[in-house]
Amino acid sequence: MKYPPFLTPDEAAEAPTASADVVPFPPGITLRAQVREAERQIERLEQQAAENDIRSMDHLERVRAIGAEVALEIWRPRLKDAQAEVTMLDANDTLTFRGQRYHAHRSFHGAN
């Protein structure tokens, strides 16, 4: 094994490697952040859909109303999927979801 020219072999053995500094980010934090973001977006879009009328004479108001309805169709399934993933992570065991069995344990290969 070759050492960088500015370190002696003893110093190189004591120096931390790049992989030693990397810590895997907990998946539960990311999943719960996705749930919070989806809930926030759905609340905002429902308020926007309630405030704006699709049949208004104002073109921008019609666009906001239609856009809110379309965006709600995107965010509702995302929220449902994120909540299911959090449930699977919290179960930390085999979970049946929509007729399929999932294992929420950590992968041996570091995939999750």
N, C-alpha and C. Protein backbone atom coordinates (compact mmCIF):
# COMPACT_ATOMS: atom_id res chain seq x y z
N MET A 1 0.84 -1.18 0.00
CA MET A 1 0.00 0.00 0.00
C MET A 1 0.89 1.25 0.00
N LYS A 2 0.63 2.13 -0.92
CA LYS A 2 1.41 3.35 -1.01
C LYS A 2 0.78 4.42 -0.13
N TYR A 3 1.62 5.21 0.48
CA TYR A 3 1.17 6.28 1.35
C TYR A 3 1.36 7.61 0.64
N PRO A 4 0.54 8.60 0.99
CA PRO A 4 0.77 9.92 0.42
C PRO A 4 2.17 10.41 0.79
N PRO A 5 2.81 11.15 -0.09
CA PRO A 5 4.19 11.53 0.16
C PRO A 5 4.38 12.44 1.37
N PHE A 6 3.33 13.12 1.81
CA PHE A 6 3.48 14.04 2.93
C PHE A 6 3.25 13.37 4.28
N LEU A 7 2.90 12.07 4.31
CA LEU A 7 2.69 11.35 5.57
C LEU A 7 3.67 10.18 5.67
N THR A 8 4.17 9.98 6.85
CA THR A 8 4.99 8.79 7.08
C THR A 8 4.05 7.60 7.26
N PRO A 9 4.53 6.36 7.13
CA PRO A 9 3.64 5.21 7.32
C PRO A 9 2.95 5.20 8.68
N ASP A 10 3.64 5.66 9.73
CA ASP A 10 3.01 5.70 11.05
C ASP A 10 1.88 6.74 11.10
N GLU A 11 2.12 7.89 10.49
CA GLU A 11 1.09 8.92 10.47
C GLU A 11 -0.10 8.49 9.61
N ALA A 12 0.19 7.80 8.51
CA ALA A 12 -0.89 7.35 7.64
C ALA A 12 -1.76 6.30 8.32
N ALA A 13 -1.16 5.47 9.16
CA ALA A 13 -1.93 4.46 9.89
C ALA A 13 -2.85 5.11 10.92
N GLU A 14 -2.43 6.22 11.48
CA GLU A 14 -3.24 6.91 12.48
C GLU A 14 -4.30 7.83 11.86
N ALA A 15 -4.07 8.26 10.63
CA ALA A 15 -4.99 9.19 9.98
C ALA A 15 -6.30 8.47 9.65
N PRO A 16 -7.43 9.11 9.89
CA PRO A 16 -8.71 8.48 9.55
C PRO A 16 -8.90 8.42 8.04
N THR A 17 -9.55 7.38 7.59
CA THR A 17 -9.87 7.26 6.17
C THR A 17 -11.14 8.06 5.89
N ALA A 18 -11.39 8.28 4.64
CA ALA A 18 -12.58 9.05 4.27
C ALA A 18 -13.85 8.31 4.66
N SER A 19 -13.86 6.99 4.53
CA SER A 19 -15.07 6.24 4.85
C SER A 19 -15.34 6.20 6.35
N ALA A 20 -14.32 6.43 7.17
CA ALA A 20 -14.52 6.43 8.61
C ALA A 20 -15.31 7.65 9.06
N ASP A 21 -15.28 8.73 8.30
CA ASP A 21 -15.98 9.94 8.67
C ASP A 21 -17.43 9.95 8.22
N VAL A 22 -17.80 9.04 7.31
CA VAL A 22 -19.15 9.02 6.75
C VAL A 22 -20.04 8.17 7.65
N VAL A 23 -21.12 8.76 8.10
CA VAL A 23 -22.09 8.05 8.93
C VAL A 23 -23.40 7.98 8.16
N PRO A 24 -24.01 6.81 8.07
CA PRO A 24 -25.27 6.72 7.32
C PRO A 24 -26.36 7.55 7.99
N PHE A 25 -27.10 8.29 7.19
CA PHE A 25 -28.17 9.13 7.71
C PHE A 25 -29.34 8.23 8.08
N PRO A 26 -29.95 8.39 9.24
CA PRO A 26 -31.05 7.52 9.64
C PRO A 26 -32.23 7.65 8.69
N PRO A 27 -32.72 6.55 8.13
CA PRO A 27 -33.82 6.64 7.16
C PRO A 27 -35.11 7.16 7.78
N GLY A 28 -35.30 6.94 9.07
CA GLY A 28 -36.53 7.41 9.71
C GLY A 28 -36.67 8.91 9.67
N ILE A 29 -35.57 9.63 9.80
CA ILE A 29 -35.61 11.09 9.76
C ILE A 29 -36.02 11.57 8.38
N THR A 30 -35.44 10.97 7.35
CA THR A 30 -35.77 11.35 5.98
C THR A 30 -37.23 11.05 5.66
N LEU A 31 -37.70 9.86 6.06
CA LEU A 31 -39.08 9.48 5.77
C LEU A 31 -40.08 10.38 6.49
N ARG A 32 -39.79 10.70 7.74
CA ARG A 32 -40.71 11.57 8.48
C ARG A 32 -40.69 12.99 7.92
N ALA A 33 -39.56 13.43 7.41
CA ALA A 33 -39.50 14.74 6.75
C ALA A 33 -40.34 14.73 5.48
N GLN A 34 -40.33 13.62 4.75
CA GLN A 34 -41.16 13.51 3.55
C GLN A 34 -42.64 13.55 3.90
N VAL A 35 -43.02 12.90 5.00
CA VAL A 35 -44.42 12.93 5.44
C VAL A 35 -44.81 14.36 5.82
N ARG A 36 -43.97 15.05 6.57
CA ARG A 36 -44.28 16.44 6.96
C ARG A 36 -44.40 17.35 5.74
N GLU A 37 -43.50 17.18 4.78
CA GLU A 37 -43.55 18.02 3.58
C GLU A 37 -44.82 17.74 2.78
N ALA A 38 -45.19 16.48 2.64
CA ALA A 38 -46.41 16.14 1.90
C ALA A 38 -47.65 16.69 2.60
N GLU A 39 -47.70 16.58 3.93
CA GLU A 39 -48.83 17.14 4.67
C GLU A 39 -48.90 18.65 4.52
N ARG A 40 -47.75 19.31 4.54
CA ARG A 40 -47.71 20.77 4.38
C ARG A 40 -48.19 21.18 2.99
N GLN A 41 -47.73 20.46 1.97
CA GLN A 41 -48.13 20.79 0.60
C GLN A 41 -49.63 20.56 0.40
N ILE A 42 -50.14 19.45 0.94
CA ILE A 42 -51.57 19.17 0.78
C ILE A 42 -52.41 20.24 1.48
N GLU A 43 -52.01 20.64 2.66
CA GLU A 43 -52.74 21.70 3.37
C GLU A 43 -52.73 23.00 2.57
N ARG A 44 -51.57 23.35 2.03
CA ARG A 44 -51.45 24.59 1.25
C ARG A 44 -52.29 24.52 -0.02
N LEU A 45 -52.27 23.37 -0.69
CA LEU A 45 -53.01 23.24 -1.94
C LEU A 45 -54.52 23.19 -1.71
N GLU A 46 -54.95 22.56 -0.62
CA GLU A 46 -56.39 22.55 -0.31
C GLU A 46 -56.88 23.96 -0.01
N GLN A 47 -56.07 24.75 0.69
CA GLN A 47 -56.43 26.13 0.96
C GLN A 47 -56.49 26.93 -0.34
N GLN A 48 -55.52 26.69 -1.22
CA GLN A 48 -55.49 27.41 -2.50
C GLN A 48 -56.69 27.01 -3.36
N ALA A 49 -57.07 25.74 -3.34
CA ALA A 49 -58.23 25.30 -4.13
C ALA A 49 -59.52 25.89 -3.56
N ALA A 50 -59.59 26.05 -2.24
CA ALA A 50 -60.80 26.62 -1.63
C ALA A 50 -60.91 28.12 -1.90
N GLU A 51 -59.80 28.82 -1.96
CA GLU A 51 -59.82 30.27 -2.15
C GLU A 51 -60.06 30.67 -3.60
N ASN A 52 -59.66 29.85 -4.56
CA ASN A 52 -59.75 30.21 -5.97
C ASN A 52 -60.89 29.45 -6.64
N ASP A 53 -61.56 30.14 -7.57
CA ASP A 53 -62.71 29.57 -8.26
C ASP A 53 -62.31 29.19 -9.69
N ILE A 54 -62.69 27.98 -10.09
CA ILE A 54 -62.36 27.53 -11.45
C ILE A 54 -63.15 28.32 -12.48
N ARG A 55 -64.35 28.79 -12.12
CA ARG A 55 -65.21 29.51 -13.07
C ARG A 55 -65.06 31.03 -12.98
N SER A 56 -63.98 31.50 -12.40
CA SER A 56 -63.78 32.93 -12.23
C SER A 56 -63.44 33.59 -13.58
N MET A 57 -63.71 34.88 -13.66
CA MET A 57 -63.34 35.63 -14.86
C MET A 57 -61.84 35.94 -14.88
N ASP A 58 -61.23 35.90 -13.71
CA ASP A 58 -59.79 36.17 -13.61
C ASP A 58 -59.03 34.92 -14.06
N HIS A 59 -58.20 35.11 -15.07
CA HIS A 59 -57.46 33.98 -15.64
C HIS A 59 -56.48 33.38 -14.63
N LEU A 60 -55.77 34.21 -13.89
CA LEU A 60 -54.80 33.71 -12.92
C LEU A 60 -55.47 32.92 -11.80
N GLU A 61 -56.66 33.35 -11.40
CA GLU A 61 -57.38 32.61 -10.37
C GLU A 61 -57.80 31.23 -10.87
N ARG A 62 -58.24 31.16 -12.13
CA ARG A 62 -58.59 29.86 -12.72
C ARG A 62 -57.38 28.95 -12.79
N VAL A 63 -56.23 29.50 -13.18
CA VAL A 63 -55.00 28.71 -13.29
C VAL A 63 -54.59 28.19 -11.92
N ARG A 64 -54.68 29.04 -10.89
CA ARG A 64 -54.32 28.60 -9.54
C ARG A 64 -55.26 27.51 -9.05
N ALA A 65 -56.54 27.63 -9.34
CA ALA A 65 -57.51 26.63 -8.89
C ALA A 65 -57.27 25.29 -9.58
N ILE A 66 -57.06 25.32 -10.88
CA ILE A 66 -56.82 24.08 -11.63
C ILE A 66 -55.48 23.47 -11.24
N GLY A 67 -54.48 24.31 -11.10
CA GLY A 67 -53.15 23.81 -10.71
C GLY A 67 -53.16 23.17 -9.33
N ALA A 68 -53.94 23.73 -8.42
CA ALA A 68 -54.02 23.16 -7.08
C ALA A 68 -54.66 21.78 -7.12
N GLU A 69 -55.69 21.61 -7.93
CA GLU A 69 -56.35 20.30 -8.04
C GLU A 69 -55.40 19.26 -8.63
N VAL A 70 -54.66 19.64 -9.64
CA VAL A 70 -53.71 18.71 -10.26
C VAL A 70 -52.59 18.36 -9.29
N ALA A 71 -52.09 19.34 -8.58
CA ALA A 71 -51.01 19.09 -7.63
C ALA A 71 -51.49 18.22 -6.47
N LEU A 72 -52.74 18.35 -6.07
CA LEU A 72 -53.28 17.49 -5.02
C LEU A 72 -53.30 16.03 -5.46
N GLU A 73 -53.58 15.80 -6.74
CA GLU A 73 -53.55 14.43 -7.26
C GLU A 73 -52.15 13.84 -7.21
N ILE A 74 -51.15 14.68 -7.22
CA ILE A 74 -49.76 14.21 -7.14
C ILE A 74 -49.35 13.99 -5.69
N TRP A 75 -49.71 14.92 -4.81
CA TRP A 75 -49.21 14.87 -3.43
C TRP A 75 -49.94 13.86 -2.55
N ARG A 76 -51.21 13.59 -2.81
CA ARG A 76 -51.94 12.63 -1.96
C ARG A 76 -51.34 11.22 -2.02
N PRO A 77 -51.03 10.68 -3.21
CA PRO A 77 -50.37 9.35 -3.22
C PRO A 77 -48.98 9.38 -2.59
N ARG A 78 -48.26 10.49 -2.75
CA ARG A 78 -46.94 10.60 -2.12
C ARG A 78 -47.06 10.53 -0.60
N LEU A 79 -48.06 11.21 -0.05
CA LEU A 79 -48.27 11.17 1.40
C LEU A 79 -48.61 9.75 1.85
N LYS A 80 -49.48 9.10 1.10
CA LYS A 80 -49.88 7.74 1.46
C LYS A 80 -48.69 6.79 1.44
N ASP A 81 -47.85 6.90 0.41
CA ASP A 81 -46.66 6.04 0.30
C ASP A 81 -45.65 6.34 1.41
N ALA A 82 -45.45 7.62 1.71
CA ALA A 82 -44.50 7.98 2.76
C ALA A 82 -44.98 7.50 4.13
N GLN A 83 -46.29 7.59 4.38
CA GLN A 83 -46.82 7.09 5.65
C GLN A 83 -46.67 5.58 5.74
N ALA A 84 -46.84 4.88 4.62
CA ALA A 84 -46.66 3.42 4.63
C ALA A 84 -45.21 3.06 4.91
N GLU A 85 -44.27 3.80 4.34
CA GLU A 85 -42.86 3.53 4.59
C GLU A 85 -42.49 3.78 6.05
N VAL A 86 -43.04 4.84 6.64
CA VAL A 86 -42.78 5.11 8.06
C VAL A 86 -43.36 3.99 8.91
N THR A 87 -44.54 3.51 8.55
CA THR A 87 -45.15 2.40 9.29
C THR A 87 -44.29 1.16 9.20
N MET A 88 -43.77 0.87 8.01
CA MET A 88 -42.89 -0.29 7.84
C MET A 88 -41.62 -0.13 8.65
N LEU A 89 -41.06 1.05 8.66
CA LEU A 89 -39.83 1.28 9.41
C LEU A 89 -40.08 1.14 10.91
N ASP A 90 -41.22 1.66 11.37
CA ASP A 90 -41.54 1.56 12.79
C ASP A 90 -41.85 0.12 13.21
N ALA A 91 -42.40 -0.67 12.30
CA ALA A 91 -42.74 -2.06 12.62
C ALA A 91 -41.47 -2.88 12.82
N ASN A 92 -40.44 -2.61 12.02
CA ASN A 92 -39.16 -3.32 12.08
C ASN A 92 -39.37 -4.83 12.05
N ASP A 93 -40.34 -5.26 11.28
CA ASP A 93 -40.67 -6.67 11.17
C ASP A 93 -41.39 -6.84 9.84
N THR A 94 -41.89 -8.03 9.59
CA THR A 94 -42.64 -8.26 8.37
C THR A 94 -43.96 -7.53 8.46
N LEU A 95 -44.32 -6.82 7.41
CA LEU A 95 -45.54 -6.05 7.38
C LEU A 95 -46.28 -6.37 6.09
N THR A 96 -47.57 -6.58 6.17
CA THR A 96 -48.37 -6.81 4.98
C THR A 96 -49.02 -5.48 4.60
N PHE A 97 -48.81 -5.09 3.36
CA PHE A 97 -49.35 -3.83 2.87
C PHE A 97 -49.90 -4.07 1.48
N ARG A 98 -51.20 -3.83 1.31
CA ARG A 98 -51.88 -4.05 0.03
C ARG A 98 -51.64 -5.46 -0.50
N GLY A 99 -51.68 -6.43 0.39
CA GLY A 99 -51.57 -7.82 -0.02
C GLY A 99 -50.16 -8.33 -0.25
N GLN A 100 -49.16 -7.50 -0.06
CA GLN A 100 -47.78 -7.94 -0.26
C GLN A 100 -47.04 -7.86 1.06
N ARG A 101 -46.08 -8.77 1.22
CA ARG A 101 -45.30 -8.79 2.46
C ARG A 101 -43.99 -8.05 2.25
N TYR A 102 -43.67 -7.20 3.18
CA TYR A 102 -42.43 -6.44 3.14
C TYR A 102 -41.64 -6.72 4.41
N HIS A 103 -40.34 -6.74 4.27
CA HIS A 103 -39.46 -6.88 5.43
C HIS A 103 -38.78 -5.54 5.66
N ALA A 104 -38.95 -4.98 6.82
CA ALA A 104 -38.41 -3.65 7.11
C ALA A 104 -37.12 -3.74 7.92
N HIS A 105 -36.35 -4.80 7.71
CA HIS A 105 -35.08 -4.90 8.43
C HIS A 105 -33.96 -4.32 7.58
N ARG A 106 -32.84 -4.06 8.20
CA ARG A 106 -31.72 -3.47 7.48
C ARG A 106 -31.12 -4.47 6.53
N SER A 107 -30.68 -4.00 5.39
CA SER A 107 -30.07 -4.86 4.39
C SER A 107 -28.65 -5.22 4.80
N PHE A 108 -28.24 -6.43 4.45
CA PHE A 108 -26.87 -6.85 4.73
C PHE A 108 -25.88 -6.14 3.82
N HIS A 109 -26.36 -5.67 2.68
CA HIS A 109 -25.49 -5.06 1.69
C HIS A 109 -25.48 -3.53 1.79
N GLY A 110 -26.15 -2.99 2.78
CA GLY A 110 -26.14 -1.54 2.97
C GLY A 110 -27.04 -0.78 2.05
N ALA A 111 -28.04 -1.46 1.44
CA ALA A 111 -28.92 -0.78 0.50
C ALA A 111 -29.89 0.16 1.21
N ASN A 112 -30.25 -0.14 2.46
CA ASN A 112 -31.15 0.75 3.18
C ASN A 112 -30.74 0.89 4.61
